[in-house]
Amino acid sequence: MDYIERSVVVKKVMETKWESGSDGAVAMEIVAATPAADVAPVTHGEWIEDDYGYNRCSACGWEWDEPESVTPYCPHCGAKMGEGEIDD
């Protein structure tokens, strides 16, 4: 799957001088010629606290060495914590 920057494509389409009766082929050429953005899939998770106060990442199972430690991202797998849908 390729990802593109919407603002780049919109700008290129808006800059194009459209001829009457155009069937959209030019717009498709612009979209096809736009370079893909450099993106990575985002994994979502949550910190799960055990009975001893240690937190475990729901995405990879990594557990903090210190009780009650949490961050917005898992330092082991990079899962984004507490936002969006949790990945199974």
PDB file of N, CA and C in Angstrom:
ATOM      1  N   MET A   1       0.846  -1.163   0.000  1.00  0.00           N
ATOM      2  CA  MET A   1       0.000   0.000   0.000  1.00  0.00           C
ATOM      3  C   MET A   1       0.900   1.237   0.000  1.00  0.00           C
ATOM      4  N   ASP A   2       0.580   2.197  -0.827  1.00  0.00           N
ATOM      5  CA  ASP A   2       1.309   3.455  -0.872  1.00  0.00           C
ATOM      6  C   ASP A   2       0.526   4.542  -0.164  1.00  0.00           C
ATOM      7  N   TYR A   3       1.223   5.414   0.529  1.00  0.00           N
ATOM      8  CA  TYR A   3       0.623   6.567   1.172  1.00  0.00           C
ATOM      9  C   TYR A   3       1.169   7.823   0.505  1.00  0.00           C
ATOM     10  N   ILE A   4       0.312   8.804   0.297  1.00  0.00           N
ATOM     11  CA  ILE A   4       0.734  10.051  -0.320  1.00  0.00           C
ATOM     12  C   ILE A   4       0.330  11.203   0.584  1.00  0.00           C
ATOM     13  N   GLU A   5       1.003  12.331   0.394  1.00  0.00           N
ATOM     14  CA  GLU A   5       0.638  13.513   1.153  1.00  0.00           C
ATOM     15  C   GLU A   5      -0.476  14.236   0.418  1.00  0.00           C
ATOM     16  N   ARG A   6      -1.637  14.283   1.053  1.00  0.00           N
ATOM     17  CA  ARG A   6      -2.826  14.866   0.430  1.00  0.00           C
ATOM     18  C   ARG A   6      -2.577  16.296  -0.040  1.00  0.00           C
ATOM     19  N   SER A   7      -1.891  17.115   0.767  1.00  0.00           N
ATOM     20  CA  SER A   7      -1.678  18.517   0.401  1.00  0.00           C
ATOM     21  C   SER A   7      -0.868  18.653  -0.886  1.00  0.00           C
ATOM     22  N   VAL A   8       0.065  17.747  -1.113  1.00  0.00           N
ATOM     23  CA  VAL A   8       0.879  17.784  -2.339  1.00  0.00           C
ATOM     24  C   VAL A   8       0.000  17.494  -3.553  1.00  0.00           C
ATOM     25  N   VAL A   9      -0.847  16.476  -3.460  1.00  0.00           N
ATOM     26  CA  VAL A   9      -1.712  16.102  -4.586  1.00  0.00           C
ATOM     27  C   VAL A   9      -2.739  17.198  -4.860  1.00  0.00           C
ATOM     28  N   VAL A  10      -3.364  17.724  -3.813  1.00  0.00           N
ATOM     29  CA  VAL A  10      -4.357  18.780  -4.003  1.00  0.00           C
ATOM     30  C   VAL A  10      -3.718  19.987  -4.682  1.00  0.00           C
ATOM     31  N   LYS A  11      -2.531  20.358  -4.247  1.00  0.00           N
ATOM     32  CA  LYS A  11      -1.836  21.504  -4.846  1.00  0.00           C
ATOM     33  C   LYS A  11      -1.556  21.254  -6.332  1.00  0.00           C
ATOM     34  N   LYS A  12      -1.076  20.058  -6.664  1.00  0.00           N
ATOM     35  CA  LYS A  12      -0.772  19.750  -8.063  1.00  0.00           C
ATOM     36  C   LYS A  12      -2.033  19.737  -8.927  1.00  0.00           C
ATOM     37  N   VAL A  13      -3.126  19.179  -8.404  1.00  0.00           N
ATOM     38  CA  VAL A  13      -4.378  19.148  -9.162  1.00  0.00           C
ATOM     39  C   VAL A  13      -4.900  20.569  -9.361  1.00  0.00           C
ATOM     40  N   MET A  14      -4.829  21.399  -8.317  1.00  0.00           N
ATOM     41  CA  MET A  14      -5.311  22.773  -8.410  1.00  0.00           C
ATOM     42  C   MET A  14      -4.470  23.607  -9.376  1.00  0.00           C
ATOM     43  N   GLU A  15      -3.173  23.283  -9.505  1.00  0.00           N
ATOM     44  CA  GLU A  15      -2.290  24.030 -10.407  1.00  0.00           C
ATOM     45  C   GLU A  15      -2.507  23.653 -11.873  1.00  0.00           C
ATOM     46  N   THR A  16      -3.147  22.527 -12.109  1.00  0.00           N
ATOM     47  CA  THR A  16      -3.345  22.048 -13.474  1.00  0.00           C
ATOM     48  C   THR A  16      -4.396  22.893 -14.189  1.00  0.00           C
ATOM     49  N   LYS A  17      -4.107  23.270 -15.409  1.00  0.00           N
ATOM     50  CA  LYS A  17      -5.065  24.026 -16.225  1.00  0.00           C
ATOM     51  C   LYS A  17      -5.989  23.017 -16.893  1.00  0.00           C
ATOM     52  N   TRP A  18      -7.254  22.975 -16.456  1.00  0.00           N
ATOM     53  CA  TRP A  18      -8.207  22.001 -16.961  1.00  0.00           C
ATOM     54  C   TRP A  18      -8.827  22.482 -18.266  1.00  0.00           C
ATOM     55  N   GLU A  19      -8.945  21.584 -19.207  1.00  0.00           N
ATOM     56  CA  GLU A  19      -9.622  21.871 -20.470  1.00  0.00           C
ATOM     57  C   GLU A  19     -11.067  21.412 -20.352  1.00  0.00           C
ATOM     58  N   SER A  20     -11.964  22.099 -21.024  1.00  0.00           N
ATOM     59  CA  SER A  20     -13.359  21.678 -20.963  1.00  0.00           C
ATOM     60  C   SER A  20     -13.482  20.284 -21.569  1.00  0.00           C
ATOM     61  N   GLY A  21     -14.307  19.469 -20.968  1.00  0.00           N
ATOM     62  CA  GLY A  21     -14.505  18.106 -21.455  1.00  0.00           C
ATOM     63  C   GLY A  21     -13.461  17.121 -20.948  1.00  0.00           C
ATOM     64  N   SER A  22     -12.613  17.538 -20.017  1.00  0.00           N
ATOM     65  CA  SER A  22     -11.590  16.648 -19.480  1.00  0.00           C
ATOM     66  C   SER A  22     -12.272  15.487 -18.752  1.00  0.00           C
ATOM     67  N   ASP A  23     -11.750  14.275 -18.928  1.00  0.00           N
ATOM     68  CA  ASP A  23     -12.375  13.092 -18.323  1.00  0.00           C
ATOM     69  C   ASP A  23     -11.703  12.663 -17.016  1.00  0.00           C
ATOM     70  N   GLY A  24     -10.814  13.471 -16.495  1.00  0.00           N
ATOM     71  CA  GLY A  24     -10.156  13.120 -15.238  1.00  0.00           C
ATOM     72  C   GLY A  24      -8.860  12.362 -15.405  1.00  0.00           C
ATOM     73  N   ALA A  25      -8.467  12.061 -16.644  1.00  0.00           N
ATOM     74  CA  ALA A  25      -7.232  11.308 -16.870  1.00  0.00           C
ATOM     75  C   ALA A  25      -6.020  12.087 -16.377  1.00  0.00           C
ATOM     76  N   VAL A  26      -6.041  13.401 -16.540  1.00  0.00           N
ATOM     77  CA  VAL A  26      -4.912  14.221 -16.093  1.00  0.00           C
ATOM     78  C   VAL A  26      -4.786  14.144 -14.570  1.00  0.00           C
ATOM     79  N   ALA A  27      -5.922  14.213 -13.877  1.00  0.00           N
ATOM     80  CA  ALA A  27      -5.897  14.116 -12.416  1.00  0.00           C
ATOM     81  C   ALA A  27      -5.325  12.769 -11.979  1.00  0.00           C
ATOM     82  N   MET A  28      -5.700  11.703 -12.657  1.00  0.00           N
ATOM     83  CA  MET A  28      -5.180  10.377 -12.317  1.00  0.00           C
ATOM     84  C   MET A  28      -3.679  10.299 -12.556  1.00  0.00           C
ATOM     85  N   GLU A  29      -3.194  10.941 -13.613  1.00  0.00           N
ATOM     86  CA  GLU A  29      -1.756  10.971 -13.884  1.00  0.00           C
ATOM     87  C   GLU A  29      -1.019  11.718 -12.774  1.00  0.00           C
ATOM     88  N   ILE A  30      -1.618  12.808 -12.289  1.00  0.00           N
ATOM     89  CA  ILE A  30      -0.999  13.574 -11.207  1.00  0.00           C
ATOM     90  C   ILE A  30      -0.922  12.726  -9.944  1.00  0.00           C
ATOM     91  N   VAL A  31      -2.003  12.051  -9.621  1.00  0.00           N
ATOM     92  CA  VAL A  31      -2.014  11.203  -8.424  1.00  0.00           C
ATOM     93  C   VAL A  31      -0.986  10.079  -8.558  1.00  0.00           C
ATOM     94  N   ALA A  32      -0.930   9.452  -9.707  1.00  0.00           N
ATOM     95  CA  ALA A  32       0.007   8.350  -9.920  1.00  0.00           C
ATOM     96  C   ALA A  32       1.459   8.816  -9.858  1.00  0.00           C
ATOM     97  N   ALA A  33       1.723  10.064 -10.260  1.00  0.00           N
ATOM     98  CA  ALA A  33       3.090  10.580 -10.291  1.00  0.00           C
ATOM     99  C   ALA A  33       3.546  11.150  -8.946  1.00  0.00           C
ATOM    100  N   THR A  34       2.628  11.310  -7.980  1.00  0.00           N
ATOM    101  CA  THR A  34       2.982  11.862  -6.676  1.00  0.00           C
ATOM    102  C   THR A  34       3.761  10.821  -5.890  1.00  0.00           C
ATOM    103  N   PRO A  35       4.933  11.201  -5.351  1.00  0.00           N
ATOM    104  CA  PRO A  35       5.730  10.215  -4.604  1.00  0.00           C
ATOM    105  C   PRO A  35       5.037   9.788  -3.314  1.00  0.00           C
ATOM    106  N   ALA A  36       5.278   8.550  -2.932  1.00  0.00           N
ATOM    107  CA  ALA A  36       4.694   8.014  -1.707  1.00  0.00           C
ATOM    108  C   ALA A  36       5.377   8.635  -0.494  1.00  0.00           C
ATOM    109  N   ALA A  37       4.602   8.841   0.572  1.00  0.00           N
ATOM    110  CA  ALA A  37       5.131   9.357   1.828  1.00  0.00           C
ATOM    111  C   ALA A  37       5.823   8.227   2.578  1.00  0.00           C
ATOM    112  N   ASP A  38       6.789   8.586   3.402  1.00  0.00           N
ATOM    113  CA  ASP A  38       7.512   7.615   4.219  1.00  0.00           C
ATOM    114  C   ASP A  38       6.760   7.455   5.539  1.00  0.00           C
ATOM    115  N   VAL A  39       5.981   6.386   5.661  1.00  0.00           N
ATOM    116  CA  VAL A  39       5.164   6.162   6.852  1.00  0.00           C
ATOM    117  C   VAL A  39       5.391   4.756   7.393  1.00  0.00           C
ATOM    118  N   ALA A  40       5.022   4.585   8.632  1.00  0.00           N
ATOM    119  CA  ALA A  40       5.088   3.262   9.264  1.00  0.00           C
ATOM    120  C   ALA A  40       3.733   2.980   9.903  1.00  0.00           C
ATOM    121  N   PRO A  41       3.314   1.723   9.920  1.00  0.00           N
ATOM    122  CA  PRO A  41       2.047   1.405  10.574  1.00  0.00           C
ATOM    123  C   PRO A  41       2.122   1.706  12.074  1.00  0.00           C
ATOM    124  N   VAL A  42       1.017   2.144  12.636  1.00  0.00           N
ATOM    125  CA  VAL A  42       0.959   2.456  14.060  1.00  0.00           C
ATOM    126  C   VAL A  42       0.258   1.317  14.782  1.00  0.00           C
ATOM    127  N   THR A  43       0.906   0.812  15.823  1.00  0.00           N
ATOM    128  CA  THR A  43       0.308  -0.209  16.678  1.00  0.00           C
ATOM    129  C   THR A  43      -0.188   0.486  17.942  1.00  0.00           C
ATOM    130  N   HIS A  44      -1.393   0.152  18.366  1.00  0.00           N
ATOM    131  CA  HIS A  44      -1.959   0.734  19.571  1.00  0.00           C
ATOM    132  C   HIS A  44      -2.015  -0.318  20.668  1.00  0.00           C
ATOM    133  N   GLY A  45      -1.832   0.122  21.885  1.00  0.00           N
ATOM    134  CA  GLY A  45      -1.898  -0.783  23.025  1.00  0.00           C
ATOM    135  C   GLY A  45      -2.308  -0.023  24.271  1.00  0.00           C
ATOM    136  N   GLU A  46      -2.186  -0.698  25.387  1.00  0.00           N
ATOM    137  CA  GLU A  46      -2.461  -0.055  26.673  1.00  0.00           C
ATOM    138  C   GLU A  46      -1.579  -0.704  27.731  1.00  0.00           C
ATOM    139  N   TRP A  47      -1.310   0.065  28.782  1.00  0.00           N
ATOM    140  CA  TRP A  47      -0.560  -0.487  29.895  1.00  0.00           C
ATOM    141  C   TRP A  47      -1.523  -1.254  30.789  1.00  0.00           C
ATOM    142  N   ILE A  48      -1.170  -2.493  31.094  1.00  0.00           N
ATOM    143  CA  ILE A  48      -1.984  -3.332  31.965  1.00  0.00           C
ATOM    144  C   ILE A  48      -1.198  -3.537  33.256  1.00  0.00           C
ATOM    145  N   GLU A  49      -1.770  -3.064  34.359  1.00  0.00           N
ATOM    146  CA  GLU A  49      -1.095  -3.162  35.651  1.00  0.00           C
ATOM    147  C   GLU A  49      -1.431  -4.488  36.325  1.00  0.00           C
ATOM    148  N   ASP A  50      -0.380  -5.147  36.855  1.00  0.00           N
ATOM    149  CA  ASP A  50      -0.625  -6.399  37.572  1.00  0.00           C
ATOM    150  C   ASP A  50      -0.841  -6.123  39.064  1.00  0.00           C
ATOM    151  N   ASP A  51      -0.996  -7.168  39.848  1.00  0.00           N
ATOM    152  CA  ASP A  51      -1.272  -7.031  41.283  1.00  0.00           C
ATOM    153  C   ASP A  51      -0.118  -6.400  42.062  1.00  0.00           C
ATOM    154  N   TYR A  52       1.080  -6.374  41.477  1.00  0.00           N
ATOM    155  CA  TYR A  52       2.254  -5.843  42.166  1.00  0.00           C
ATOM    156  C   TYR A  52       2.610  -4.428  41.718  1.00  0.00           C
ATOM    157  N   GLY A  53       1.800  -3.844  40.829  1.00  0.00           N
ATOM    158  CA  GLY A  53       2.046  -2.479  40.379  1.00  0.00           C
ATOM    159  C   GLY A  53       2.929  -2.362  39.151  1.00  0.00           C
ATOM    160  N   TYR A  54       3.331  -3.492  38.567  1.00  0.00           N
ATOM    161  CA  TYR A  54       4.138  -3.463  37.347  1.00  0.00           C
ATOM    162  C   TYR A  54       3.208  -3.337  36.141  1.00  0.00           C
ATOM    163  N   ASN A  55       3.660  -2.640  35.118  1.00  0.00           N
ATOM    164  CA  ASN A  55       2.847  -2.445  33.918  1.00  0.00           C
ATOM    165  C   ASN A  55       3.395  -3.244  32.751  1.00  0.00           C
ATOM    166  N   ARG A  56       2.472  -3.897  32.018  1.00  0.00           N
ATOM    167  CA  ARG A  56       2.815  -4.738  30.870  1.00  0.00           C
ATOM    168  C   ARG A  56       2.143  -4.155  29.637  1.00  0.00           C
ATOM    169  N   CYS A  57       2.864  -4.155  28.512  1.00  0.00           N
ATOM    170  CA  CYS A  57       2.322  -3.683  27.236  1.00  0.00           C
ATOM    171  C   CYS A  57       1.349  -4.736  26.690  1.00  0.00           C
ATOM    172  N   SER A  58       0.133  -4.291  26.333  1.00  0.00           N
ATOM    173  CA  SER A  58      -0.853  -5.230  25.799  1.00  0.00           C
ATOM    174  C   SER A  58      -0.511  -5.681  24.384  1.00  0.00           C
ATOM    175  N   ALA A  59       0.342  -4.948  23.678  1.00  0.00           N
ATOM    176  CA  ALA A  59       0.687  -5.303  22.294  1.00  0.00           C
ATOM    177  C   ALA A  59       1.777  -6.368  22.212  1.00  0.00           C
ATOM    178  N   CYS A  60       2.813  -6.250  23.075  1.00  0.00           N
ATOM    179  CA  CYS A  60       3.934  -7.193  22.961  1.00  0.00           C
ATOM    180  C   CYS A  60       4.219  -7.974  24.239  1.00  0.00           C
ATOM    181  N   GLY A  61       3.615  -7.558  25.363  1.00  0.00           N
ATOM    182  CA  GLY A  61       3.820  -8.270  26.618  1.00  0.00           C
ATOM    183  C   GLY A  61       5.021  -7.804  27.413  1.00  0.00           C
ATOM    184  N   TRP A  62       5.778  -6.834  26.898  1.00  0.00           N
ATOM    185  CA  TRP A  62       6.953  -6.330  27.614  1.00  0.00           C
ATOM    186  C   TRP A  62       6.523  -5.712  28.932  1.00  0.00           C
ATOM    187  N   GLU A  63       7.314  -5.953  29.983  1.00  0.00           N
ATOM    188  CA  GLU A  63       6.960  -5.435  31.300  1.00  0.00           C
ATOM    189  C   GLU A  63       8.069  -4.537  31.831  1.00  0.00           C
ATOM    190  N   TRP A  64       7.664  -3.423  32.447  1.00  0.00           N
ATOM    191  CA  TRP A  64       8.623  -2.495  33.067  1.00  0.00           C
ATOM    192  C   TRP A  64       9.352  -3.187  34.208  1.00  0.00           C
ATOM    193  N   ASP A  65      10.619  -2.806  34.422  1.00  0.00           N
ATOM    194  CA  ASP A  65      11.392  -3.308  35.560  1.00  0.00           C
ATOM    195  C   ASP A  65      11.024  -2.580  36.843  1.00  0.00           C
ATOM    196  N   GLU A  66      10.402  -1.402  36.711  1.00  0.00           N
ATOM    197  CA  GLU A  66      10.054  -0.592  37.868  1.00  0.00           C
ATOM    198  C   GLU A  66       8.529  -0.516  38.010  1.00  0.00           C
ATOM    199  N   PRO A  67       8.020  -0.682  39.223  1.00  0.00           N
ATOM    200  CA  PRO A  67       6.567  -0.551  39.409  1.00  0.00           C
ATOM    201  C   PRO A  67       6.089   0.855  39.048  1.00  0.00           C
ATOM    202  N   GLU A  68       4.874   0.927  38.539  1.00  0.00           N
ATOM    203  CA  GLU A  68       4.179   2.172  38.241  1.00  0.00           C
ATOM    204  C   GLU A  68       4.812   3.010  37.134  1.00  0.00           C
ATOM    205  N   SER A  69       5.717   2.461  36.338  1.00  0.00           N
ATOM    206  CA  SER A  69       6.324   3.206  35.234  1.00  0.00           C
ATOM    207  C   SER A  69       5.476   3.061  33.975  1.00  0.00           C
ATOM    208  N   VAL A  70       5.202   4.187  33.314  1.00  0.00           N
ATOM    209  CA  VAL A  70       4.474   4.175  32.046  1.00  0.00           C
ATOM    210  C   VAL A  70       4.996   5.312  31.162  1.00  0.00           C
ATOM    211  N   THR A  71       4.818   5.168  29.866  1.00  0.00           N
ATOM    212  CA  THR A  71       5.161   6.193  28.886  1.00  0.00           C
ATOM    213  C   THR A  71       4.054   6.196  27.832  1.00  0.00           C
ATOM    214  N   PRO A  72       4.007   7.227  26.964  1.00  0.00           N
ATOM    215  CA  PRO A  72       2.988   7.241  25.904  1.00  0.00           C
ATOM    216  C   PRO A  72       3.231   6.175  24.827  1.00  0.00           C
ATOM    217  N   TYR A  73       4.447   5.601  24.797  1.00  0.00           N
ATOM    218  CA  TYR A  73       4.810   4.552  23.837  1.00  0.00           C
ATOM    219  C   TYR A  73       5.514   3.430  24.566  1.00  0.00           C
ATOM    220  N   CYS A  74       5.346   2.210  24.078  1.00  0.00           N
ATOM    221  CA  CYS A  74       6.084   1.084  24.642  1.00  0.00           C
ATOM    222  C   CYS A  74       7.535   1.182  24.181  1.00  0.00           C
ATOM    223  N   PRO A  75       8.509   1.195  25.104  1.00  0.00           N
ATOM    224  CA  PRO A  75       9.907   1.286  24.686  1.00  0.00           C
ATOM    225  C   PRO A  75      10.407   0.033  23.962  1.00  0.00           C
ATOM    226  N   HIS A  76       9.674  -1.066  24.079  1.00  0.00           N
ATOM    227  CA  HIS A  76      10.102  -2.311  23.439  1.00  0.00           C
ATOM    228  C   HIS A  76       9.590  -2.444  22.005  1.00  0.00           C
ATOM    229  N   CYS A  77       8.279  -2.216  21.784  1.00  0.00           N
ATOM    230  CA  CYS A  77       7.700  -2.437  20.451  1.00  0.00           C
ATOM    231  C   CYS A  77       7.228  -1.155  19.767  1.00  0.00           C
ATOM    232  N   GLY A  78       7.163  -0.036  20.513  1.00  0.00           N
ATOM    233  CA  GLY A  78       6.743   1.227  19.924  1.00  0.00           C
ATOM    234  C   GLY A  78       5.248   1.448  19.866  1.00  0.00           C
ATOM    235  N   ALA A  79       4.460   0.556  20.466  1.00  0.00           N
ATOM    236  CA  ALA A  79       3.000   0.710  20.447  1.00  0.00           C
ATOM    237  C   ALA A  79       2.612   2.031  21.102  1.00  0.00           C
ATOM    238  N   LYS A  80       1.655   2.710  20.490  1.00  0.00           N
ATOM    239  CA  LYS A  80       1.154   3.979  21.005  1.00  0.00           C
ATOM    240  C   LYS A  80       0.092   3.664  22.046  1.00  0.00           C
ATOM    241  N   MET A  81       0.282   4.184  23.242  1.00  0.00           N
ATOM    242  CA  MET A  81      -0.582   3.825  24.361  1.00  0.00           C
ATOM    243  C   MET A  81      -1.716   4.815  24.574  1.00  0.00           C
ATOM    244  N   GLY A  82      -2.917   4.274  24.832  1.00  0.00           N
ATOM    245  CA  GLY A  82      -4.034   5.057  25.279  1.00  0.00           C
ATOM    246  C   GLY A  82      -4.762   5.887  24.235  1.00  0.00           C
ATOM    247  N   GLU A  83      -4.504   5.696  22.961  1.00  0.00           N
ATOM    248  CA  GLU A  83      -5.195   6.453  21.927  1.00  0.00           C
ATOM    249  C   GLU A  83      -5.656   5.499  20.836  1.00  0.00           C
ATOM    250  N   GLY A  84      -6.823   5.735  20.317  1.00  0.00           N
ATOM    251  CA  GLY A  84      -7.314   4.923  19.200  1.00  0.00           C
ATOM    252  C   GLY A  84      -7.712   3.537  19.636  1.00  0.00           C
ATOM    253  N   GLU A  85      -7.874   2.665  18.651  1.00  0.00           N
ATOM    254  CA  GLU A  85      -8.295   1.296  18.920  1.00  0.00           C
ATOM    255  C   GLU A  85      -7.096   0.450  19.324  1.00  0.00           C
ATOM    256  N   ILE A  86      -7.325  -0.463  20.227  1.00  0.00           N
ATOM    257  CA  ILE A  86      -6.300  -1.385  20.666  1.00  0.00           C
ATOM    258  C   ILE A  86      -6.173  -2.483  19.622  1.00  0.00           C
ATOM    259  N   ASP A  87      -4.921  -2.773  19.193  1.00  0.00           N
ATOM    260  CA  ASP A  87      -4.688  -3.850  18.220  1.00  0.00           C
ATOM    261  C   ASP A  87      -4.640  -5.181  18.941  1.00  0.00           C
ATOM    262  N   ASP A  88      -5.217  -6.208  18.330  1.00  0.00           N
ATOM    263  CA  ASP A  88      -5.201  -7.545  18.926  1.00  0.00           C
ATOM    264  C   ASP A  88      -4.101  -8.375  18.317  1.00  0.00           C
TER     265      ASP A  88
END
